[in-house]
Protein backbone atom coordinates (compact mmCIF):
# COMPACT_ATOMS: atom_id res chain seq x y z
CA ILE A 1 -12.41 -14.84 12.07
CA ALA A 2 -14.28 -16.14 9.61
CA MET A 3 -14.92 -14.05 7.00
CA SER A 4 -14.93 -13.82 2.91
CA ASN A 5 -11.36 -13.73 1.03
CA PRO A 6 -9.84 -11.02 3.70
CA SER A 7 -6.44 -9.25 2.04
CA PHE A 8 -5.46 -5.87 3.35
CA LEU A 9 -6.10 -4.47 6.81
CA ALA A 10 -6.53 -1.53 8.80
CA ARG A 11 -7.00 -0.89 13.09
CA ASN A 12 -7.94 1.60 15.10
CA GLY A 13 -7.49 0.17 18.82
CA ASP A 14 -9.71 -2.40 18.74
CA ILE A 15 -11.45 -2.24 15.75
CA LEU A 16 -9.68 -4.30 13.26
CA TYR A 17 -11.04 -3.74 9.32
CA ALA A 18 -10.73 -5.81 7.00
CA VAL A 19 -11.52 -5.56 2.66
CA ASN A 20 -12.91 -8.98 1.54
CA GLU A 21 -11.33 -9.38 -2.21
CA ASP A 22 -14.39 -10.69 -3.95
CA THR A 23 -15.76 -9.31 -7.35
CA ASN A 24 -18.77 -7.65 -4.55
CA GLY A 25 -16.26 -6.15 -2.94
CA MET A 26 -16.32 -5.36 0.88
CA LEU A 27 -15.78 -3.63 3.87
CA THR A 28 -15.73 -5.76 7.20
CA ALA A 29 -15.75 -3.85 10.90
CA TYR A 30 -14.61 -6.87 12.81
CA ASP A 31 -14.06 -5.39 17.22
CA LEU A 32 -11.05 -7.33 18.57
CA LYS A 33 -12.59 -7.25 22.28
CA ASN A 34 -15.25 -8.10 22.09
CA ASP A 35 -14.92 -10.85 19.49
CA THR A 36 -17.74 -10.21 16.72
CA ILE A 37 -18.63 -8.21 13.39
CA LEU A 38 -19.70 -5.23 13.89
CA ASN A 39 -21.08 -4.92 10.25
CA GLN A 40 -20.21 -5.44 6.28
CA ALA A 41 -20.76 -2.88 3.27
CA SER A 42 -20.26 -2.62 -0.13
CA THR A 43 -17.28 -0.86 -1.69
CA ALA A 44 -19.44 -0.59 -4.65
CA GLY A 45 -16.50 -2.32 -7.09
CA MET A 46 -14.51 -5.31 -7.59
CA HIS A 47 -11.67 -7.01 -5.93
CA PRO A 48 -10.96 -3.98 -3.05
CA CYS A 49 -7.47 -5.21 -2.22
CA HIS A 50 -6.48 -1.72 0.45
CA VAL A 51 -8.11 0.04 3.51
CA SER A 52 -7.13 2.77 4.87
CA LEU A 53 -8.32 5.10 7.46
CA SER A 54 -8.29 8.77 8.58
CA PRO A 55 -5.69 9.99 11.18
CA ASP A 56 -8.26 12.46 12.30
CA LYS A 57 -11.95 12.16 10.95
CA PRO A 58 -14.59 8.94 10.80
CA LEU A 59 -13.62 8.06 7.53
CA ALA A 60 -12.45 4.61 5.23
CA VAL A 61 -10.54 4.97 1.80
CA VAL A 62 -10.97 1.53 0.22
CA SER A 63 -8.83 0.60 -2.93
CA ASN A 64 -11.00 -1.13 -5.84
CA TYR A 65 -8.34 -2.76 -8.39
CA SER A 66 -10.15 -4.18 -10.70
CA SER A 67 -12.62 -1.84 -11.70
CA GLY A 68 -10.69 1.47 -10.97
CA SER A 69 -11.85 2.84 -8.10
CA LEU A 70 -11.84 4.36 -4.34
CA ALA A 71 -14.89 4.59 -2.04
CA LEU A 72 -15.02 6.76 0.82
CA LEU A 73 -17.16 5.27 3.75
CA SER A 74 -17.78 7.27 7.05
CA LEU A 75 -17.98 5.12 10.47
CA ASN A 76 -19.55 5.52 13.62
CA ALA A 77 -18.20 6.14 16.81
CA ASN A 78 -18.31 2.85 17.72
CA GLY A 79 -16.18 1.46 15.12
CA SER A 80 -19.00 0.58 12.69
CA ILE A 81 -19.37 1.01 8.97
CA LYS A 82 -21.90 4.04 8.74
CA GLN A 83 -22.26 4.38 5.01
CA MET A 84 -20.89 4.52 1.36
CA GLU A 85 -20.23 8.76 1.61
CA ASP A 86 -17.33 9.26 -1.99
CA LEU A 87 -16.91 6.65 -4.97
CA VAL A 88 -14.97 7.66 -7.85
CA GLU A 89 -14.17 5.88 -10.64
CA PHE A 90 -11.23 6.16 -13.04
CA LYS A 91 -11.00 5.43 -16.77
CA GLY A 92 -7.69 5.25 -17.59
CA SER A 93 -4.82 3.69 -19.24
CA SER A 94 -0.91 2.73 -20.18
CA ILE A 95 1.92 1.29 -23.03
CA ASN A 96 1.37 -1.99 -21.34
CA LYS A 97 -1.44 -3.79 -23.29
CA GLU A 98 -1.73 -6.86 -21.11
CA ARG A 99 -1.88 -4.93 -17.24
CA GLN A 100 -2.86 -1.15 -18.12
CA LYS A 101 -6.14 -1.32 -20.48
CA GLN A 102 -7.83 0.28 -18.03
CA SER A 103 -7.61 1.78 -14.27
CA HIS A 104 -6.84 -0.22 -11.32
CA VAL A 105 -6.45 1.96 -8.30
CA HIS A 106 -3.82 -0.08 -5.98
CA SER A 107 -3.67 1.73 -2.69
CA ALA A 108 -4.93 5.27 -1.03
CA PHE A 109 -2.53 6.77 1.56
CA PHE A 110 -3.35 9.72 4.22
CA THR A 111 -0.59 12.08 5.61
CA LYS A 112 -0.54 12.95 9.01
CA ASN A 113 -2.74 15.16 9.17
CA GLY A 114 -5.60 13.30 7.26
CA SER A 115 -5.66 16.60 4.49
CA GLN A 116 -4.75 14.52 1.76
CA VAL A 117 -5.22 11.06 0.43
CA PHE A 118 -2.51 9.86 -2.35
CA VAL A 119 -4.08 7.44 -4.26
CA SER A 120 -1.90 4.54 -7.00
CA ASP A 121 -4.06 3.65 -10.45
CA LEU A 122 -1.84 1.25 -11.33
CA GLY A 123 -3.25 0.59 -14.90
CA ALA A 124 -2.78 4.59 -15.68
CA ASP A 125 0.46 5.65 -14.60
CA LEU A 126 -0.16 7.64 -12.32
CA ILE A 127 -0.67 8.92 -8.68
CA TYR A 128 -4.00 11.07 -8.24
CA VAL A 129 -4.16 13.88 -4.70
CA PHE A 130 -7.46 14.91 -3.45
CA GLY A 131 -8.53 16.63 -0.58
CA ILE A 132 -11.22 15.56 1.83
CA GLU A 133 -13.93 17.95 2.28
CA HIS A 134 -17.64 17.89 4.61
CA VAL A 135 -20.27 20.61 3.99
CA ASP A 136 -23.90 19.62 5.32
CA GLY A 137 -22.43 16.89 7.04
CA LYS A 138 -21.44 15.12 3.58
CA TYR A 139 -17.67 14.30 3.11
CA SER A 140 -16.39 13.69 -0.15
CA LEU A 141 -13.57 13.18 -2.20
CA LYS A 142 -11.89 16.75 -4.07
CA LYS A 143 -9.28 16.07 -6.87
CA ILE A 144 -6.08 18.29 -6.30
CA SER A 145 -3.48 16.85 -8.84
CA GLU A 146 -1.65 13.50 -11.19
CA ILE A 147 1.31 13.03 -10.54
CA LYS A 148 2.72 11.14 -13.69
CA THR A 149 4.73 7.97 -12.75
CA LYS A 150 7.31 6.43 -15.08
CA LEU A 151 4.95 5.07 -17.94
CA GLY A 152 4.97 0.72 -17.81
CA GLY A 153 5.82 2.01 -14.32
CA GLY A 154 2.53 0.71 -12.86
CA PRO A 155 1.75 2.27 -9.73
CA ARG A 156 0.68 -0.01 -6.68
CA HIS A 157 1.88 1.17 -3.56
CA LEU A 158 3.51 4.19 -2.12
CA THR A 159 5.15 5.97 1.33
CA PHE A 160 5.94 9.44 2.49
CA SER A 161 8.79 11.31 3.96
CA LYS A 162 9.62 12.28 6.86
CA ASP A 163 8.97 15.56 5.71
CA GLU A 164 6.33 14.33 3.72
CA ASN A 165 7.98 16.74 0.32
CA THR A 166 9.35 13.31 -0.40
CA ILE A 167 7.20 10.60 -2.31
CA TYR A 168 8.56 7.47 -2.57
CA SER A 169 6.11 5.09 -5.20
CA VAL A 170 6.60 1.02 -5.73
CA LEU A 171 6.69 0.74 -9.64
CA GLU A 172 5.03 -3.15 -9.87
CA LEU A 173 5.54 -3.53 -13.89
CA THR A 174 8.94 -2.62 -13.70
CA GLY A 175 10.14 -2.94 -9.96
CA GLU A 176 11.54 -0.14 -9.28
CA ILE A 177 10.77 2.69 -6.08
CA GLU A 178 10.72 6.49 -8.34
CA VAL A 179 11.22 9.16 -5.87
CA PHE A 180 8.82 12.47 -6.55
CA GLN A 181 9.58 16.17 -4.05
CA PHE A 182 7.60 18.94 -4.21
CA SER A 183 8.48 22.23 -5.59
CA ASN A 184 6.45 25.50 -7.20
CA SER A 185 3.38 23.49 -6.22
CA ASN A 186 3.98 20.04 -8.05
CA TRP A 187 5.43 17.06 -7.57
CA ILE A 188 9.19 16.11 -9.77
CA SER A 189 10.21 12.83 -10.52
CA LYS A 190 13.87 13.02 -8.99
CA GLN A 191 15.16 9.56 -8.98
CA ILE A 192 13.99 6.18 -10.46
CA VAL A 193 15.75 3.03 -8.48
CA PRO A 194 15.63 -0.71 -9.26
CA MET A 195 14.71 -3.49 -6.80
CA PHE A 196 17.08 -6.02 -8.42
CA PRO A 197 19.99 -6.41 -8.43
CA LYS A 198 21.88 -5.47 -12.11
CA ALA A 199 22.41 -9.29 -13.41
CA PHE A 200 18.88 -10.58 -12.68
CA GLU A 201 16.46 -11.25 -15.93
CA GLY A 202 13.15 -12.14 -14.80
CA GLU A 203 9.84 -11.11 -13.36
CA HIS A 204 8.86 -8.24 -11.47
CA GLY A 205 5.95 -7.55 -9.83
CA GLY A 206 6.63 -4.47 -7.39
CA ALA A 207 4.80 -4.74 -3.94
CA ASP A 208 5.05 -3.00 -1.06
CA ILE A 209 7.04 0.04 0.36
CA LYS A 210 7.72 1.28 4.38
CA ILE A 211 10.10 3.82 5.45
CA SER A 212 11.50 4.02 9.36
CA SER A 213 10.25 5.68 12.38
CA ASN A 214 12.92 7.96 12.25
CA GLY A 215 12.84 8.35 8.40
CA LYS A 216 15.94 7.26 7.62
CA TYR A 217 15.95 4.04 5.84
CA ILE A 218 13.64 2.50 3.28
CA TYR A 219 11.68 -1.22 2.75
CA ALA A 220 10.58 -2.34 -0.29
CA THR A 221 10.06 -6.11 -1.70
CA ASN A 222 10.22 -7.26 -5.63
CA ARG A 223 7.43 -10.53 -6.24
CA GLY A 224 7.38 -12.26 -10.01
CA SER A 225 10.91 -14.81 -9.94
CA ALA A 226 12.58 -11.91 -7.92
CA ASN A 227 11.50 -11.96 -4.49
CA PHE A 228 13.81 -9.64 -3.31
CA ILE A 229 13.36 -7.55 -0.29
CA PHE A 230 15.59 -4.22 -1.09
CA LYS A 231 16.98 -1.89 1.96
CA PHE A 232 17.80 1.85 0.63
CA LYS A 233 19.16 4.38 3.24
CA VAL A 234 17.18 7.97 2.59
CA GLU A 235 20.10 10.84 2.41
CA GLU A 236 20.07 14.27 3.22
CA ASN A 237 18.40 14.83 -0.01
CA ASN A 238 15.70 12.43 1.02
CA LEU A 239 16.66 10.12 -2.47
CA LEU A 240 17.55 6.92 -1.89
CA LYS A 241 21.09 4.77 -2.09
CA PHE A 242 21.34 1.71 -1.72
CA GLU A 243 22.13 -0.47 0.97
CA LYS A 244 21.32 -4.64 0.69
CA TYR A 245 18.92 -6.97 -0.57
CA SER A 246 17.96 -10.52 0.66
CA SER A 247 15.62 -13.44 -0.13
CA VAL A 248 12.54 -12.76 1.62
CA HIS A 249 12.73 -16.68 1.41
CA GLY A 250 9.28 -17.70 0.21
CA ASN A 251 7.05 -16.62 -2.60
CA SER A 252 5.44 -13.34 -3.94
CA PRO A 253 6.40 -11.36 -0.57
CA ARG A 254 3.12 -8.63 -1.35
CA ASN A 255 2.93 -7.48 2.23
CA LEU A 256 5.73 -6.06 4.76
CA ASN A 257 5.51 -4.22 8.10
CA PHE A 258 7.95 -3.51 10.77
CA SER A 259 7.96 -5.01 14.32
CA PRO A 260 6.54 -2.79 17.10
CA ASN A 261 10.44 -1.66 17.97
CA GLU A 262 11.55 -1.71 14.32
CA ASN A 263 14.05 -4.44 14.81
CA LYS A 264 12.42 -7.25 13.23
CA MET A 265 10.44 -6.89 9.29
CA LEU A 266 7.49 -8.83 8.60
CA ILE A 267 7.00 -10.42 5.05
CA SER A 268 3.99 -11.86 3.77
CA ASN A 269 5.07 -14.26 1.41
CA GLN A 270 1.54 -15.01 -0.39
CA ASN A 271 2.25 -17.89 -2.88
CA SER A 272 4.66 -19.94 0.27
CA ASN A 273 1.83 -19.53 2.10
CA ASP A 274 4.09 -18.14 5.14
CA ILE A 275 5.78 -15.37 6.89
CA ALA A 276 9.44 -14.59 7.09
CA ILE A 277 11.12 -12.98 9.86
CA LEU A 278 14.03 -11.32 9.14
CA ASP A 279 16.53 -9.63 12.62
CA VAL A 280 17.17 -6.00 10.80
CA GLY A 281 19.83 -5.29 12.75
CA LYS A 282 21.86 -8.24 11.50
CA ASN A 283 21.72 -6.70 8.14
CA PHE A 284 19.49 -9.42 6.85
CA SER A 285 22.06 -12.49 6.78
CA LYS A 286 21.04 -15.68 5.53
CA GLU A 287 21.37 -17.13 9.60
CA ASN A 288 19.02 -14.91 10.71
CA TYR A 289 15.42 -15.24 10.00
CA LYS A 290 12.46 -17.24 11.10
CA MET A 291 10.00 -18.57 9.38
CA ILE A 292 5.67 -18.85 10.69
CA GLU A 293 3.48 -20.86 8.40
CA ILE A 294 0.60 -18.87 7.18
CA PRO A 295 -1.80 -19.83 4.20
CA LYS A 296 -1.93 -17.30 1.51
CA SER A 297 -0.74 -14.85 4.18
CA VAL A 298 -0.63 -11.15 2.12
CA CYS A 299 -1.36 -8.91 4.98
CA VAL A 300 -0.13 -8.06 8.63
CA ILE A 301 -0.26 -5.53 11.13
CA PHE A 302 -0.07 -4.79 14.29
């Protein structure tokens, strides 16, 4: 499917959505069944790097990394993009003078019922929580709260515990996972765990995080010079216990995802132009992995 610089993907049935990570960001809707691009729409920002679809409304949210904004777009019944509904521009910064001079929105994830969106701002060390409003036929984003992450950590992606009372945030700049739990109407930081062995000295690049469908295990990747995938057990209190880690057998594991039956883990190694397929049930053993050559692989979905 030919298009300009596609990076992250989302899918609803036969309709595939790709952000075009260019200076003039776009979102492309593609009909897989009829093998045709339905349409494209501006994301009103620079270098969109993530797209999520609402589970209950005809909406997509797109994270514009370089311009630090979040776009809310509505969708037509056939899956094509209808229009821009709202655009929230953030003005933040933090302590890392090279990477955090301004807001950099890296991802936005809906809760299961679609009522809230959790938005990670790497540049400001904040996770914003937004609600979705629908008034007189118009959708909009309404900020509910802010969650402060570790200073200099740079939140990138997150995932929810099964009961959604815990969130696990990948901190890109420090190669860690910060765990927050909801208590007395606030999100409280409860734990920070590293995605690198004690002896490691090098560059971090915390990237992606996924939780198994049974809610029992967390998997996350660290790029930079680390190039690790880490596995954690989710304990009864939803905090994390280290289980094991492995090389990703490549360079810059930007994204990871389970196979549909969850017995394989697919890791998109952007800089080594491949996808590593690890056997989850074999404890990441060195003998049980395969590689697929794909140029600049940054996202894998099913």
